[in-house]
Amino acid sequence: MINIVEGGVTAPKGYTASGVACGLKNNGNKDLAVVCSEDIAVAAGVFTKNVVKGHSLQLTMEHIKSGYAKAVIINSGNANACLGEQGIKDANEMAELAAHLLNCKKENILIGSTGVIGIPLNLPKVRGGIRSGISSLSSEGGHDAAEAIMTTDLVSKEIAVDIEIQGERVRIGGMAKGSGMIHPNMATMISIITTDANISRGLLDKALKEVVSRTFNRVSVDGDTSVCDMVIVLANGAAENEGIVKEDAEYASFKSALDFVCTNLSRMIAKDGEGATKLIEVIAEGALNEEDAYKVVSSIAKSPLVKTAIFGEDANWGRIITAAGYSGADFDPNLVDIYIGDLMVCRNGAGLKFDEDAAKEILKKDEVKIKINLKRGIASDRIWTCDFSYDYVKINGSYRS
């Protein structure tokens, strides 16, 4: 049984965290987070597939090859990306300072940066933030850390769960940021996950990659994939379970709990999409294969016309079948059924006479489900997205100001 508990990334044993304001954000909000394990933890990560990668991200990708980490430092308000040698130097200085203050190897520090691309970091402010963040580390600091990684997010995103593994209580905690520039291609946001489970690095890495493919990689806000995206998981073994070293029932329990954490964080990201008023779940059933199912849900989820129709509470299902049609998936349009909520609006590719008032009531809700059945096979997929409102344009038309 999976029990939700308080604490976010500091809910598992042996973790402290903090979130401080070092002046990178003009509004004075928290902008630097530290998450630290008391002991060196096993570490795994998944990173953006955008060929353009931020300098902080590149450093973390190199450091995580060792399979171990002690702390993760994340600044918001600046992406530290596309800055040449200066960006590389700044990323290294962040890691070196944190390693010195935490008395560990530089390679045991992972860093992330999120915000505007192409503007140099104010390193004196970042140094001050790292010193302040590390000096204020606390077992109660999970929420502050979750706030400090926010950019255009309106709400912080965190969750923690408690499960039993090998006779011991094990916890998994997570936090994430993400509101815009989000579309599947790993990782589409920044998320830090902590656990006190004793698990091998190989199985931790396997579980993370498999879970991410069905959770964080099934979120789309606007069809853009950022250059700073990553999901990092740390496992410090403080729960003192015997050890998850093979793909048995205990591993399955751990993976299920990890999936629960990542699913919840993914839904929070989609629901908090820039300017969003509704969380939309798009489901494709009856596809010939998994690739076609993914193509269909991805195409529908990133269609501006679908997203604006949902915002306007207009059951314009023609936009849904159109988006499926240009997705590249192999299907017969004359077989397609479409549902908005539990209301069928299209059968065998033809429109039905449906109750427009009933459809509007469904679309008024803050969570809307769209289902399309291709009736070609048994493969299925789903993705979470959000509507496009007037505010999306306002937010992104003046992002740098």
Protein backbone atom coordinates (compact mmCIF):
# COMPACT_ATOMS: atom_id res chain seq x y z
CA MET A 1 0.00 0.00 0.00
CA ILE A 2 1.23 3.48 -0.95
CA ASN A 3 0.62 6.16 1.70
CA ILE A 4 1.02 9.87 0.94
CA VAL A 5 3.08 11.72 3.57
CA GLU A 6 4.25 15.30 4.10
CA GLY A 7 7.73 16.63 3.48
CA GLY A 8 8.49 16.40 -0.24
CA VAL A 9 12.16 15.68 -0.91
CA THR A 10 12.99 15.70 2.82
CA ALA A 11 10.36 13.08 3.74
CA PRO A 12 12.82 10.18 3.27
CA LYS A 13 15.42 9.64 6.01
CA GLY A 14 18.81 11.28 5.67
CA TYR A 15 17.90 14.29 3.49
CA THR A 16 17.96 18.01 4.11
CA ALA A 17 16.99 20.85 1.80
CA SER A 18 16.67 24.60 1.58
CA GLY A 19 15.40 27.34 -0.69
CA VAL A 20 16.78 30.87 -0.58
CA ALA A 21 16.59 34.16 -2.46
CA CYS A 22 19.95 35.25 -3.84
CA GLY A 23 18.72 37.98 -6.18
CA LEU A 24 18.49 36.27 -9.56
CA LYS A 25 14.75 36.98 -9.70
CA ASN A 26 13.71 40.61 -9.88
CA ASN A 27 10.71 40.01 -7.61
CA GLY A 28 12.83 38.86 -4.66
CA ASN A 29 11.35 35.34 -4.59
CA LYS A 30 13.40 32.27 -3.69
CA ASP A 31 15.67 31.34 -6.58
CA LEU A 32 18.23 28.79 -5.35
CA ALA A 33 17.50 25.33 -3.98
CA VAL A 34 19.75 22.78 -2.33
CA VAL A 35 18.84 19.14 -1.76
CA CYS A 36 21.44 17.17 0.19
CA SER A 37 21.88 13.59 1.37
CA GLU A 38 23.73 13.09 4.66
CA ASP A 39 25.62 10.18 3.09
CA ILE A 40 26.69 9.75 -0.51
CA ALA A 41 23.70 8.42 -2.44
CA VAL A 42 23.34 6.23 -5.48
CA ALA A 43 22.21 8.49 -8.32
CA ALA A 44 20.56 8.21 -11.71
CA GLY A 45 19.22 10.76 -14.17
CA VAL A 46 17.36 11.31 -17.42
CA PHE A 47 18.06 14.37 -19.53
CA THR A 48 16.68 16.45 -22.38
CA LYS A 49 17.18 15.19 -25.91
CA ASN A 50 17.36 18.73 -27.22
CA VAL A 51 20.74 18.96 -29.00
CA VAL A 52 21.15 22.39 -27.34
CA LYS A 53 21.96 21.77 -23.67
CA GLY A 54 22.58 24.20 -20.81
CA HIS A 55 26.04 24.27 -19.25
CA SER A 56 24.81 23.25 -15.80
CA LEU A 57 23.01 20.29 -17.37
CA GLN A 58 26.11 19.23 -19.28
CA LEU A 59 28.16 19.22 -16.09
CA THR A 60 25.54 17.13 -14.27
CA MET A 61 25.43 14.63 -17.16
CA GLU A 62 29.18 14.19 -16.75
CA HIS A 63 29.16 13.98 -12.95
CA ILE A 64 26.33 11.46 -12.75
CA LYS A 65 28.34 8.93 -14.76
CA SER A 66 30.01 7.95 -11.47
CA GLY A 67 26.63 6.71 -10.23
CA TYR A 68 26.86 8.63 -6.94
CA ALA A 69 25.96 12.10 -5.63
CA LYS A 70 25.65 13.97 -2.36
CA ALA A 71 23.73 17.10 -3.32
CA VAL A 72 21.81 18.84 -6.08
CA ILE A 73 22.00 22.63 -6.47
CA ILE A 74 19.42 24.33 -8.70
CA ASN A 75 19.08 28.02 -9.51
CA SER A 76 16.01 29.50 -11.17
CA GLY A 77 15.80 32.79 -13.02
CA ASN A 78 18.69 32.02 -15.38
CA ALA A 79 19.25 28.98 -17.61
CA ASN A 80 23.06 29.29 -17.82
CA ALA A 81 22.76 28.18 -21.45
CA CYS A 82 24.34 29.23 -24.76
CA LEU A 83 27.12 31.23 -23.09
CA GLY A 84 30.25 29.48 -24.37
CA GLU A 85 33.26 29.15 -22.07
CA GLN A 86 31.75 31.49 -19.46
CA GLY A 87 28.76 29.21 -18.92
CA ILE A 88 31.02 26.17 -18.50
CA LYS A 89 33.25 28.05 -16.05
CA ASP A 90 30.27 29.23 -13.99
CA ALA A 91 28.81 25.73 -13.77
CA ASN A 92 32.14 24.36 -12.55
CA GLU A 93 32.49 27.12 -9.97
CA MET A 94 29.03 26.36 -8.58
CA ALA A 95 29.94 22.70 -8.17
CA GLU A 96 33.36 23.44 -6.69
CA LEU A 97 31.96 25.83 -4.08
CA ALA A 98 29.22 23.41 -3.03
CA ALA A 99 31.71 20.53 -2.82
CA HIS A 100 34.01 22.61 -0.62
CA LEU A 101 31.18 23.60 1.74
CA LEU A 102 29.82 20.04 1.92
CA ASN A 103 33.24 18.43 2.19
CA CYS A 104 32.79 16.08 -0.75
CA LYS A 105 34.19 15.55 -4.23
CA LYS A 106 33.16 18.01 -6.92
CA GLU A 107 31.87 15.04 -8.95
CA ASN A 108 29.35 14.33 -6.18
CA ILE A 109 27.60 17.66 -6.81
CA LEU A 110 24.87 17.86 -9.44
CA ILE A 111 23.61 21.24 -10.58
CA GLY A 112 20.74 22.61 -12.61
CA SER A 113 19.77 26.02 -13.92
CA THR A 114 16.42 27.19 -15.32
CA GLY A 115 15.21 30.49 -16.71
CA VAL A 116 16.22 32.83 -19.52
CA ILE A 117 18.69 31.51 -22.12
CA GLY A 118 21.75 33.46 -23.27
CA ILE A 119 22.25 35.82 -20.32
CA PRO A 120 25.30 35.21 -18.08
CA LEU A 121 24.74 34.11 -14.49
CA ASN A 122 25.37 36.70 -11.80
CA LEU A 123 27.92 34.43 -10.16
CA PRO A 124 28.57 36.56 -7.05
CA LYS A 125 24.84 36.30 -6.24
CA VAL A 126 24.84 32.56 -6.97
CA ARG A 127 27.86 32.03 -4.71
CA GLY A 128 26.05 33.87 -1.92
CA GLY A 129 22.98 31.76 -2.55
CA ILE A 130 24.94 28.51 -2.36
CA ARG A 131 26.55 29.55 0.92
CA SER A 132 23.21 30.65 2.36
CA GLY A 133 21.41 27.57 1.05
CA ILE A 134 23.93 25.12 2.47
CA SER A 135 24.09 26.89 5.84
CA SER A 136 20.29 26.75 6.12
CA LEU A 137 19.81 23.09 5.16
CA SER A 138 17.02 21.52 7.20
CA SER A 139 15.03 18.31 7.37
CA GLU A 140 11.99 20.62 7.10
CA GLY A 141 13.30 22.45 4.03
CA GLY A 142 11.61 20.46 1.27
CA HIS A 143 8.87 22.99 0.61
CA ASP A 144 11.29 25.93 0.45
CA ALA A 145 13.38 24.02 -2.11
CA ALA A 146 10.28 23.31 -4.21
CA GLU A 147 9.43 27.04 -4.22
CA ALA A 148 12.98 28.06 -5.15
CA ILE A 149 13.02 26.14 -8.45
CA MET A 150 9.83 27.78 -9.78
CA THR A 151 9.96 30.06 -12.83
CA THR A 152 6.56 30.82 -14.41
CA ASP A 153 4.99 28.15 -12.19
CA LEU A 154 2.07 29.45 -10.16
CA VAL A 155 2.23 26.65 -7.58
CA SER A 156 5.05 24.57 -6.15
CA LYS A 157 4.95 20.87 -6.97
CA GLU A 158 5.92 18.24 -4.42
CA ILE A 159 4.77 14.88 -3.07
CA ALA A 160 6.08 12.09 -0.86
CA VAL A 161 4.97 8.52 -0.23
CA ASP A 162 5.64 5.78 2.31
CA ILE A 163 5.69 2.05 1.47
CA GLU A 164 6.95 -1.17 3.02
CA ILE A 165 9.86 -2.93 1.34
CA GLN A 166 11.66 -5.96 2.80
CA GLY A 167 10.02 -5.34 6.17
CA GLU A 168 11.17 -1.71 6.44
CA ARG A 169 9.35 1.59 5.89
CA VAL A 170 10.74 3.21 2.75
CA ARG A 171 9.92 6.70 1.51
CA ILE A 172 10.14 8.40 -1.87
CA GLY A 173 9.85 12.20 -2.11
CA GLY A 174 9.82 14.44 -5.13
CA MET A 175 9.63 18.01 -6.32
CA ALA A 176 9.35 19.44 -9.80
CA LYS A 177 9.16 22.68 -11.71
CA GLY A 178 7.63 23.18 -15.10
CA SER A 179 4.96 25.35 -16.62
CA GLY A 180 6.08 26.21 -20.15
CA MET A 181 8.52 25.02 -22.85
CA ILE A 182 7.30 21.52 -22.11
CA HIS A 183 6.85 18.61 -24.52
CA PRO A 184 7.96 14.97 -24.39
CA ASN A 185 11.56 14.35 -25.37
CA MET A 186 12.98 13.98 -21.90
CA ALA A 187 12.75 15.55 -19.55
CA THR A 188 10.60 18.57 -20.27
CA MET A 189 11.09 20.03 -16.79
CA ILE A 190 13.35 19.75 -13.73
CA SER A 191 12.53 17.22 -11.04
CA ILE A 192 14.48 15.95 -8.05
CA ILE A 193 13.40 12.67 -6.45
CA THR A 194 14.83 11.35 -3.20
CA THR A 195 14.46 7.98 -1.54
CA ASP A 196 15.92 6.27 1.50
CA ALA A 197 15.61 2.89 -0.20
CA ASN A 198 18.63 0.63 -0.43
CA ILE A 199 18.63 -0.21 -4.15
CA SER A 200 21.36 -0.99 -6.67
CA ARG A 201 22.37 1.74 -9.06
CA GLY A 202 21.49 -0.41 -12.05
CA LEU A 203 17.93 -1.07 -10.87
CA LEU A 204 17.46 2.56 -9.79
CA ASP A 205 18.49 3.68 -13.27
CA LYS A 206 16.23 1.10 -14.93
CA ALA A 207 13.22 2.03 -12.79
CA LEU A 208 13.70 5.75 -13.42
CA LYS A 209 13.99 5.41 -17.20
CA GLU A 210 10.95 3.15 -17.47
CA VAL A 211 8.80 5.30 -15.19
CA VAL A 212 9.82 8.58 -16.82
CA SER A 213 8.87 7.26 -20.26
CA ARG A 214 5.24 6.92 -19.13
CA THR A 215 5.00 9.93 -16.81
CA PHE A 216 7.22 12.98 -17.31
CA ASN A 217 7.57 12.06 -20.97
CA ARG A 218 3.81 12.12 -21.32
CA VAL A 219 3.35 15.79 -20.49
CA SER A 220 2.97 18.52 -23.10
CA VAL A 221 2.14 22.17 -22.50
CA ASP A 222 3.23 23.90 -25.70
CA GLY A 223 5.18 21.50 -27.91
CA ASP A 224 8.60 22.96 -26.97
CA THR A 225 11.38 20.95 -25.34
CA SER A 226 13.70 22.98 -23.11
CA VAL A 227 17.50 22.87 -22.99
CA CYS A 228 17.82 22.50 -19.22
CA ASP A 229 15.53 19.55 -18.52
CA MET A 230 16.38 16.71 -16.20
CA VAL A 231 14.99 14.27 -13.69
CA ILE A 232 17.43 13.19 -10.98
CA VAL A 233 16.86 10.47 -8.37
CA LEU A 234 19.01 9.90 -5.28
CA ALA A 235 18.83 6.76 -3.12
CA ASN A 236 20.84 6.84 0.12
CA GLY A 237 19.85 3.51 1.73
CA ALA A 238 18.96 5.12 5.08
CA ALA A 239 15.79 3.01 5.37
CA GLU A 240 18.14 0.06 5.91
CA ASN A 241 16.07 -2.41 3.94
CA GLU A 242 18.04 -5.49 2.94
CA GLY A 243 18.63 -4.19 -0.59
CA ILE A 244 16.79 -4.28 -3.89
CA VAL A 245 19.21 -6.09 -6.18
CA LYS A 246 16.99 -8.08 -8.53
CA GLU A 247 13.75 -7.56 -10.43
CA ASP A 248 11.49 -9.25 -7.90
CA ALA A 249 8.30 -8.28 -6.05
CA GLU A 250 10.20 -5.78 -3.86
CA TYR A 251 11.56 -4.05 -6.96
CA ALA A 252 8.05 -3.98 -8.42
CA SER A 253 6.77 -2.33 -5.22
CA PHE A 254 9.49 0.31 -5.37
CA LYS A 255 8.87 0.99 -9.05
CA SER A 256 5.13 1.27 -8.44
CA ALA A 257 5.70 3.89 -5.74
CA LEU A 258 8.16 5.77 -7.96
CA ASP A 259 5.55 5.71 -10.73
CA PHE A 260 2.96 7.12 -8.31
CA VAL A 261 5.26 10.02 -7.37
CA CYS A 262 6.19 10.81 -10.99
CA THR A 263 2.58 10.53 -12.20
CA ASN A 264 1.40 13.02 -9.60
CA LEU A 265 4.20 15.46 -10.36
CA SER A 266 3.51 15.13 -14.10
CA ARG A 267 -0.17 15.94 -13.65
CA MET A 268 0.75 18.94 -11.48
CA ILE A 269 2.99 20.26 -14.27
CA ALA A 270 0.30 19.91 -16.92
CA LYS A 271 -2.33 21.47 -14.68
CA ASP A 272 -0.05 24.44 -13.97
CA GLY A 273 0.79 25.03 -17.64
CA GLU A 274 1.32 28.69 -18.46
CA GLY A 275 -2.07 30.40 -18.48
CA ALA A 276 -3.86 27.05 -18.11
CA THR A 277 -7.40 26.79 -16.77
CA LYS A 278 -7.86 23.04 -17.36
CA LEU A 279 -5.90 19.79 -17.12
CA ILE A 280 -6.54 17.68 -20.24
CA GLU A 281 -5.88 13.95 -20.48
CA VAL A 282 -5.73 12.64 -24.04
CA ILE A 283 -6.14 8.88 -24.48
CA ALA A 284 -5.69 6.87 -27.68
CA GLU A 285 -6.97 3.30 -27.82
CA GLY A 286 -7.11 0.68 -30.54
CA ALA A 287 -3.89 1.72 -32.26
CA LEU A 288 -1.97 -0.68 -34.49
CA ASN A 289 1.17 -0.28 -32.36
CA GLU A 290 2.60 1.79 -29.51
CA GLU A 291 4.31 4.22 -31.87
CA ASP A 292 1.02 5.08 -33.58
CA ALA A 293 -0.75 5.48 -30.24
CA TYR A 294 1.93 7.93 -29.10
CA LYS A 295 1.83 9.86 -32.37
CA VAL A 296 -1.91 10.39 -32.01
CA VAL A 297 -1.93 11.57 -28.37
CA SER A 298 1.10 13.79 -28.93
CA SER A 299 -0.41 15.42 -32.01
CA ILE A 300 -3.73 16.11 -30.30
CA ALA A 301 -2.05 17.40 -27.13
CA LYS A 302 0.06 19.99 -28.92
CA SER A 303 -2.63 21.20 -31.32
CA PRO A 304 -3.31 24.90 -30.59
CA LEU A 305 -6.78 24.51 -32.12
CA VAL A 306 -7.70 21.63 -29.82
CA LYS A 307 -6.31 23.46 -26.81
CA THR A 308 -8.11 26.72 -27.57
CA ALA A 309 -11.38 24.87 -28.21
CA ILE A 310 -11.16 23.28 -24.76
CA PHE A 311 -10.44 26.69 -23.24
CA GLY A 312 -13.53 28.07 -24.98
CA GLU A 313 -15.59 25.07 -23.83
CA ASP A 314 -16.40 24.29 -27.45
CA ALA A 315 -16.89 20.57 -28.28
CA ASN A 316 -15.25 21.03 -31.68
CA TRP A 317 -14.25 17.39 -32.13
CA GLY A 318 -13.31 17.99 -35.76
CA ARG A 319 -10.09 19.53 -34.50
CA ILE A 320 -9.32 16.33 -32.59
CA ILE A 321 -9.69 14.00 -35.58
CA THR A 322 -7.78 16.48 -37.74
CA ALA A 323 -4.81 16.48 -35.34
CA ALA A 324 -4.86 12.67 -35.29
CA GLY A 325 -4.97 12.67 -39.08
CA TYR A 326 -1.73 14.62 -39.52
CA SER A 327 0.09 12.78 -36.72
CA GLY A 328 1.65 10.24 -39.08
CA ALA A 329 -0.16 7.33 -37.42
CA ASP A 330 -1.60 4.56 -39.58
CA PHE A 331 -5.39 4.33 -39.15
CA ASP A 332 -8.65 4.39 -41.06
CA PRO A 333 -10.60 7.63 -40.39
CA ASN A 334 -13.85 5.76 -41.12
CA LEU A 335 -13.37 3.63 -38.00
CA VAL A 336 -12.63 6.37 -35.48
CA ASP A 337 -14.74 6.99 -32.36
CA ILE A 338 -14.18 10.12 -30.23
CA TYR A 339 -15.37 10.88 -26.71
CA ILE A 340 -15.26 14.13 -24.75
CA GLY A 341 -15.53 12.96 -21.18
CA ASP A 342 -18.01 10.09 -21.36
CA LEU A 343 -19.95 11.76 -24.19
CA MET A 344 -19.50 10.18 -27.65
CA VAL A 345 -19.30 12.91 -30.28
CA CYS A 346 -18.04 10.89 -33.25
CA ARG A 347 -18.71 7.27 -34.31
CA ASN A 348 -16.96 5.56 -37.22
CA GLY A 349 -15.51 8.87 -38.38
CA ALA A 350 -18.87 10.63 -38.57
CA GLY A 351 -20.35 13.26 -36.31
CA LEU A 352 -23.18 12.39 -33.96
CA LYS A 353 -26.07 14.51 -32.80
CA PHE A 354 -25.01 15.07 -29.21
CA ASP A 355 -26.26 17.30 -26.42
CA GLU A 356 -24.21 20.52 -26.73
CA ASP A 357 -25.24 21.63 -23.24
CA ALA A 358 -24.02 18.33 -21.78
CA ALA A 359 -20.75 18.74 -23.67
CA LYS A 360 -20.31 22.27 -22.32
CA GLU A 361 -20.84 21.04 -18.76
CA ILE A 362 -18.07 18.49 -19.27
CA LEU A 363 -15.76 21.15 -20.70
CA LYS A 364 -16.48 23.54 -17.81
CA LYS A 365 -14.67 21.21 -15.40
CA ASP A 366 -11.06 21.86 -14.49
CA GLU A 367 -10.10 18.36 -15.66
CA VAL A 368 -11.20 17.15 -19.12
CA LYS A 369 -10.68 13.76 -20.75
CA ILE A 370 -10.50 13.25 -24.53
CA LYS A 371 -10.55 9.68 -25.82
CA ILE A 372 -10.05 8.51 -29.39
CA ASN A 373 -10.47 4.88 -30.43
CA LEU A 374 -8.78 4.02 -33.73
CA LYS A 375 -10.12 0.44 -33.76
CA ARG A 376 -7.05 -0.86 -35.56
CA GLY A 377 -5.30 -2.89 -32.85
CA ILE A 378 -4.74 -3.16 -29.10
CA ALA A 379 -2.06 -0.53 -28.43
CA SER A 380 -2.88 2.52 -26.32
CA ASP A 381 -1.23 5.58 -24.82
CA ARG A 382 -2.09 8.74 -22.91
CA ILE A 383 -0.67 12.19 -22.38
CA TRP A 384 -1.44 15.10 -20.06
CA THR A 385 -1.70 18.61 -21.40
CA CYS A 386 -3.63 21.83 -20.73
CA ASP A 387 -5.71 24.38 -22.56
CA PHE A 388 -4.38 27.55 -24.21
CA SER A 389 -5.88 30.71 -22.72
CA TYR A 390 -5.30 34.40 -23.43
CA ASP A 391 -2.78 34.42 -20.60
CA TYR A 392 -0.44 32.00 -22.39
CA VAL A 393 0.32 34.65 -25.00
CA LYS A 394 0.64 37.37 -22.35
CA ILE A 395 3.12 35.32 -20.31
CA ASN A 396 5.31 34.32 -23.25
CA GLY A 397 5.06 37.65 -25.06
CA SER A 398 6.88 39.33 -22.17
CA TYR A 399 8.89 36.47 -20.59
CA ARG A 400 12.19 38.36 -20.43
CA SER A 401 10.61 41.48 -18.96
